[in-house]
PDB file of N, CA and C in Angstrom:
ATOM      1  N   MET A   1       0.821  -1.197   0.000  1.00  0.00           N
ATOM      2  CA  MET A   1       0.000   0.000   0.000  1.00  0.00           C
ATOM      3  C   MET A   1       0.860   1.255   0.000  1.00  0.00           C
ATOM      4  N   GLN A   2       1.955   1.220   0.747  1.00  0.00           N
ATOM      5  CA  GLN A   2       2.854   2.383   0.812  1.00  0.00           C
ATOM      6  C   GLN A   2       3.455   2.685  -0.564  1.00  0.00           C
ATOM      7  N   LYS A   3       3.774   1.626  -1.311  1.00  0.00           N
ATOM      8  CA  LYS A   3       4.331   1.802  -2.665  1.00  0.00           C
ATOM      9  C   LYS A   3       3.327   2.512  -3.570  1.00  0.00           C
ATOM     10  N   ILE A   4       2.066   2.139  -3.468  1.00  0.00           N
ATOM     11  CA  ILE A   4       1.026   2.772  -4.280  1.00  0.00           C
ATOM     12  C   ILE A   4       0.903   4.246  -3.933  1.00  0.00           C
ATOM     13  N   LEU A   5       0.908   4.568  -2.660  1.00  0.00           N
ATOM     14  CA  LEU A   5       0.816   5.967  -2.239  1.00  0.00           C
ATOM     15  C   LEU A   5       2.017   6.767  -2.711  1.00  0.00           C
ATOM     16  N   SER A   6       3.176   6.156  -2.659  1.00  0.00           N
ATOM     17  CA  SER A   6       4.394   6.817  -3.115  1.00  0.00           C
ATOM     18  C   SER A   6       4.327   7.104  -4.619  1.00  0.00           C
ATOM     19  N   LEU A   7       3.895   6.113  -5.399  1.00  0.00           N
ATOM     20  CA  LEU A   7       3.775   6.297  -6.848  1.00  0.00           C
ATOM     21  C   LEU A   7       2.723   7.338  -7.192  1.00  0.00           C
ATOM     22  N   TYR A   8       1.637   7.358  -6.453  1.00  0.00           N
ATOM     23  CA  TYR A   8       0.605   8.361  -6.711  1.00  0.00           C
ATOM     24  C   TYR A   8       1.144   9.757  -6.443  1.00  0.00           C
ATOM     25  N   GLY A   9       1.947   9.897  -5.407  1.00  0.00           N
ATOM     26  CA  GLY A   9       2.560  11.188  -5.110  1.00  0.00           C
ATOM     27  C   GLY A   9       3.470  11.644  -6.241  1.00  0.00           C
ATOM     28  N   LEU A  10       4.222  10.711  -6.828  1.00  0.00           N
ATOM     29  CA  LEU A  10       5.068  11.045  -7.963  1.00  0.00           C
ATOM     30  C   LEU A  10       4.231  11.457  -9.173  1.00  0.00           C
ATOM     31  N   ARG A  11       3.133  10.769  -9.376  1.00  0.00           N
ATOM     32  CA  ARG A  11       2.237  11.098 -10.489  1.00  0.00           C
ATOM     33  C   ARG A  11       1.745  12.526 -10.361  1.00  0.00           C
ATOM     34  N   TRP A  12       1.387  12.918  -9.164  1.00  0.00           N
ATOM     35  CA  TRP A  12       0.890  14.272  -8.939  1.00  0.00           C
ATOM     36  C   TRP A  12       1.976  15.305  -9.233  1.00  0.00           C
ATOM     37  N   GLN A  13       3.211  15.015  -8.867  1.00  0.00           N
ATOM     38  CA  GLN A  13       4.322  15.924  -9.153  1.00  0.00           C
ATOM     39  C   GLN A  13       4.536  16.069 -10.664  1.00  0.00           C
ATOM     40  N   ILE A  14       4.379  14.977 -11.397  1.00  0.00           N
ATOM     41  CA  ILE A  14       4.509  15.021 -12.854  1.00  0.00           C
ATOM     42  C   ILE A  14       3.399  15.877 -13.448  1.00  0.00           C
ATOM     43  N   GLU A  15       2.182  15.717 -12.955  1.00  0.00           N
ATOM     44  CA  GLU A  15       1.058  16.539 -13.436  1.00  0.00           C
ATOM     45  C   GLU A  15       1.342  18.020 -13.206  1.00  0.00           C
ATOM     46  N   LEU A  16       1.853  18.371 -12.049  1.00  0.00           N
ATOM     47  CA  LEU A  16       2.168  19.771 -11.756  1.00  0.00           C
ATOM     48  C   LEU A  16       3.276  20.285 -12.670  1.00  0.00           C
ATOM     49  N   PHE A  17       4.261  19.433 -12.945  1.00  0.00           N
ATOM     50  CA  PHE A  17       5.345  19.810 -13.839  1.00  0.00           C
ATOM     51  C   PHE A  17       4.812  20.115 -15.238  1.00  0.00           C
ATOM     52  N   PHE A  18       3.934  19.253 -15.763  1.00  0.00           N
ATOM     53  CA  PHE A  18       3.364  19.489 -17.086  1.00  0.00           C
ATOM     54  C   PHE A  18       2.499  20.742 -17.104  1.00  0.00           C
ATOM     55  N   LYS A  19       1.802  21.002 -16.023  1.00  0.00           N
ATOM     56  CA  LYS A  19       0.999  22.211 -15.934  1.00  0.00           C
ATOM     57  C   LYS A  19       1.889  23.451 -16.037  1.00  0.00           C
ATOM     58  N   GLU A  20       3.023  23.420 -15.355  1.00  0.00           N
ATOM     59  CA  GLU A  20       3.979  24.528 -15.423  1.00  0.00           C
ATOM     60  C   GLU A  20       4.539  24.683 -16.842  1.00  0.00           C
ATOM     61  N   LEU A  21       4.878  23.567 -17.486  1.00  0.00           N
ATOM     62  CA  LEU A  21       5.386  23.630 -18.859  1.00  0.00           C
ATOM     63  C   LEU A  21       4.355  24.242 -19.802  1.00  0.00           C
ATOM     64  N   LYS A  22       3.111  23.793 -19.694  1.00  0.00           N
ATOM     65  CA  LYS A  22       2.062  24.325 -20.551  1.00  0.00           C
ATOM     66  C   LYS A  22       1.882  25.816 -20.330  1.00  0.00           C
ATOM     67  N   SER A  23       1.947  26.238 -19.102  1.00  0.00           N
ATOM     68  CA  SER A  23       1.800  27.650 -18.785  1.00  0.00           C
ATOM     69  C   SER A  23       2.987  28.448 -19.334  1.00  0.00           C
ATOM     70  N   PHE A  24       4.191  27.957 -19.120  1.00  0.00           N
ATOM     71  CA  PHE A  24       5.398  28.656 -19.552  1.00  0.00           C
ATOM     72  C   PHE A  24       5.444  28.809 -21.068  1.00  0.00           C
ATOM     73  N   PHE A  25       5.069  27.751 -21.797  1.00  0.00           N
ATOM     74  CA  PHE A  25       5.123  27.779 -23.251  1.00  0.00           C
ATOM     75  C   PHE A  25       3.797  28.177 -23.891  1.00  0.00           C
ATOM     76  N   SER A  26       2.823  28.592 -23.090  1.00  0.00           N
ATOM     77  CA  SER A  26       1.494  28.995 -23.576  1.00  0.00           C
ATOM     78  C   SER A  26       0.846  27.914 -24.435  1.00  0.00           C
ATOM     79  N   LEU A  27       0.904  26.686 -23.960  1.00  0.00           N
ATOM     80  CA  LEU A  27       0.307  25.558 -24.663  1.00  0.00           C
ATOM     81  C   LEU A  27      -0.987  25.152 -23.963  1.00  0.00           C
ATOM     82  N   LYS A  28      -2.049  25.888 -24.216  1.00  0.00           N
ATOM     83  CA  LYS A  28      -3.319  25.552 -23.568  1.00  0.00           C
ATOM     84  C   LYS A  28      -3.904  24.271 -24.137  1.00  0.00           C
ATOM     85  N   LYS A  29      -3.783  24.109 -25.440  1.00  0.00           N
ATOM     86  CA  LYS A  29      -4.316  22.908 -26.071  1.00  0.00           C
ATOM     87  C   LYS A  29      -3.415  22.535 -27.241  1.00  0.00           C
ATOM     88  N   VAL A  30      -3.025  21.284 -27.293  1.00  0.00           N
ATOM     89  CA  VAL A  30      -2.233  20.783 -28.409  1.00  0.00           C
ATOM     90  C   VAL A  30      -3.173  19.995 -29.295  1.00  0.00           C
ATOM     91  N   SER A  31      -3.229  20.359 -30.560  1.00  0.00           N
ATOM     92  CA  SER A  31      -4.214  19.755 -31.456  1.00  0.00           C
ATOM     93  C   SER A  31      -3.680  18.535 -32.212  1.00  0.00           C
ATOM     94  N   THR A  32      -2.725  17.850 -31.633  1.00  0.00           N
ATOM     95  CA  THR A  32      -2.193  16.657 -32.284  1.00  0.00           C
ATOM     96  C   THR A  32      -1.873  15.585 -31.243  1.00  0.00           C
ATOM     97  N   GLY A  33      -1.885  14.365 -31.679  1.00  0.00           N
ATOM     98  CA  GLY A  33      -1.470  13.264 -30.827  1.00  0.00           C
ATOM     99  C   GLY A  33      -0.110  12.732 -31.250  1.00  0.00           C
ATOM    100  N   ASN A  34       0.467  13.369 -32.271  1.00  0.00           N
ATOM    101  CA  ASN A  34       1.758  12.952 -32.794  1.00  0.00           C
ATOM    102  C   ASN A  34       2.857  13.363 -31.827  1.00  0.00           C
ATOM    103  N   THR A  35       3.529  12.400 -31.229  1.00  0.00           N
ATOM    104  CA  THR A  35       4.533  12.699 -30.220  1.00  0.00           C
ATOM    105  C   THR A  35       5.698  13.507 -30.763  1.00  0.00           C
ATOM    106  N   HIS A  36       6.035  13.336 -32.037  1.00  0.00           N
ATOM    107  CA  HIS A  36       7.143  14.094 -32.634  1.00  0.00           C
ATOM    108  C   HIS A  36       6.793  15.582 -32.702  1.00  0.00           C
ATOM    109  N   ILE A  37       5.571  15.897 -33.058  1.00  0.00           N
ATOM    110  CA  ILE A  37       5.146  17.292 -33.129  1.00  0.00           C
ATOM    111  C   ILE A  37       5.088  17.905 -31.736  1.00  0.00           C
ATOM    112  N   ILE A  38       4.597  17.153 -30.778  1.00  0.00           N
ATOM    113  CA  ILE A  38       4.528  17.653 -29.407  1.00  0.00           C
ATOM    114  C   ILE A  38       5.920  17.930 -28.869  1.00  0.00           C
ATOM    115  N   LYS A  39       6.867  17.047 -29.138  1.00  0.00           N
ATOM    116  CA  LYS A  39       8.249  17.269 -28.707  1.00  0.00           C
ATOM    117  C   LYS A  39       8.826  18.522 -29.342  1.00  0.00           C
ATOM    118  N   MET A  40       8.519  18.772 -30.599  1.00  0.00           N
ATOM    119  CA  MET A  40       9.012  19.971 -31.268  1.00  0.00           C
ATOM    120  C   MET A  40       8.412  21.239 -30.655  1.00  0.00           C
ATOM    121  N   LEU A  41       7.147  21.177 -30.260  1.00  0.00           N
ATOM    122  CA  LEU A  41       6.504  22.331 -29.633  1.00  0.00           C
ATOM    123  C   LEU A  41       7.142  22.673 -28.300  1.00  0.00           C
ATOM    124  N   ILE A  42       7.544  21.644 -27.578  1.00  0.00           N
ATOM    125  CA  ILE A  42       8.170  21.865 -26.265  1.00  0.00           C
ATOM    126  C   ILE A  42       9.614  22.217 -26.461  1.00  0.00           C
TER     127      ILE A  42
END
């Protein structure tokens, strides 16, 4: 159970990190699912 809680905490940190990236780069919505294009945008 402790492992699950630990992993969930890491997941939340990743979500916050992506939120900061989207805000910094003004990426409110990405209109593609192509990972290569998303990497280029970032």
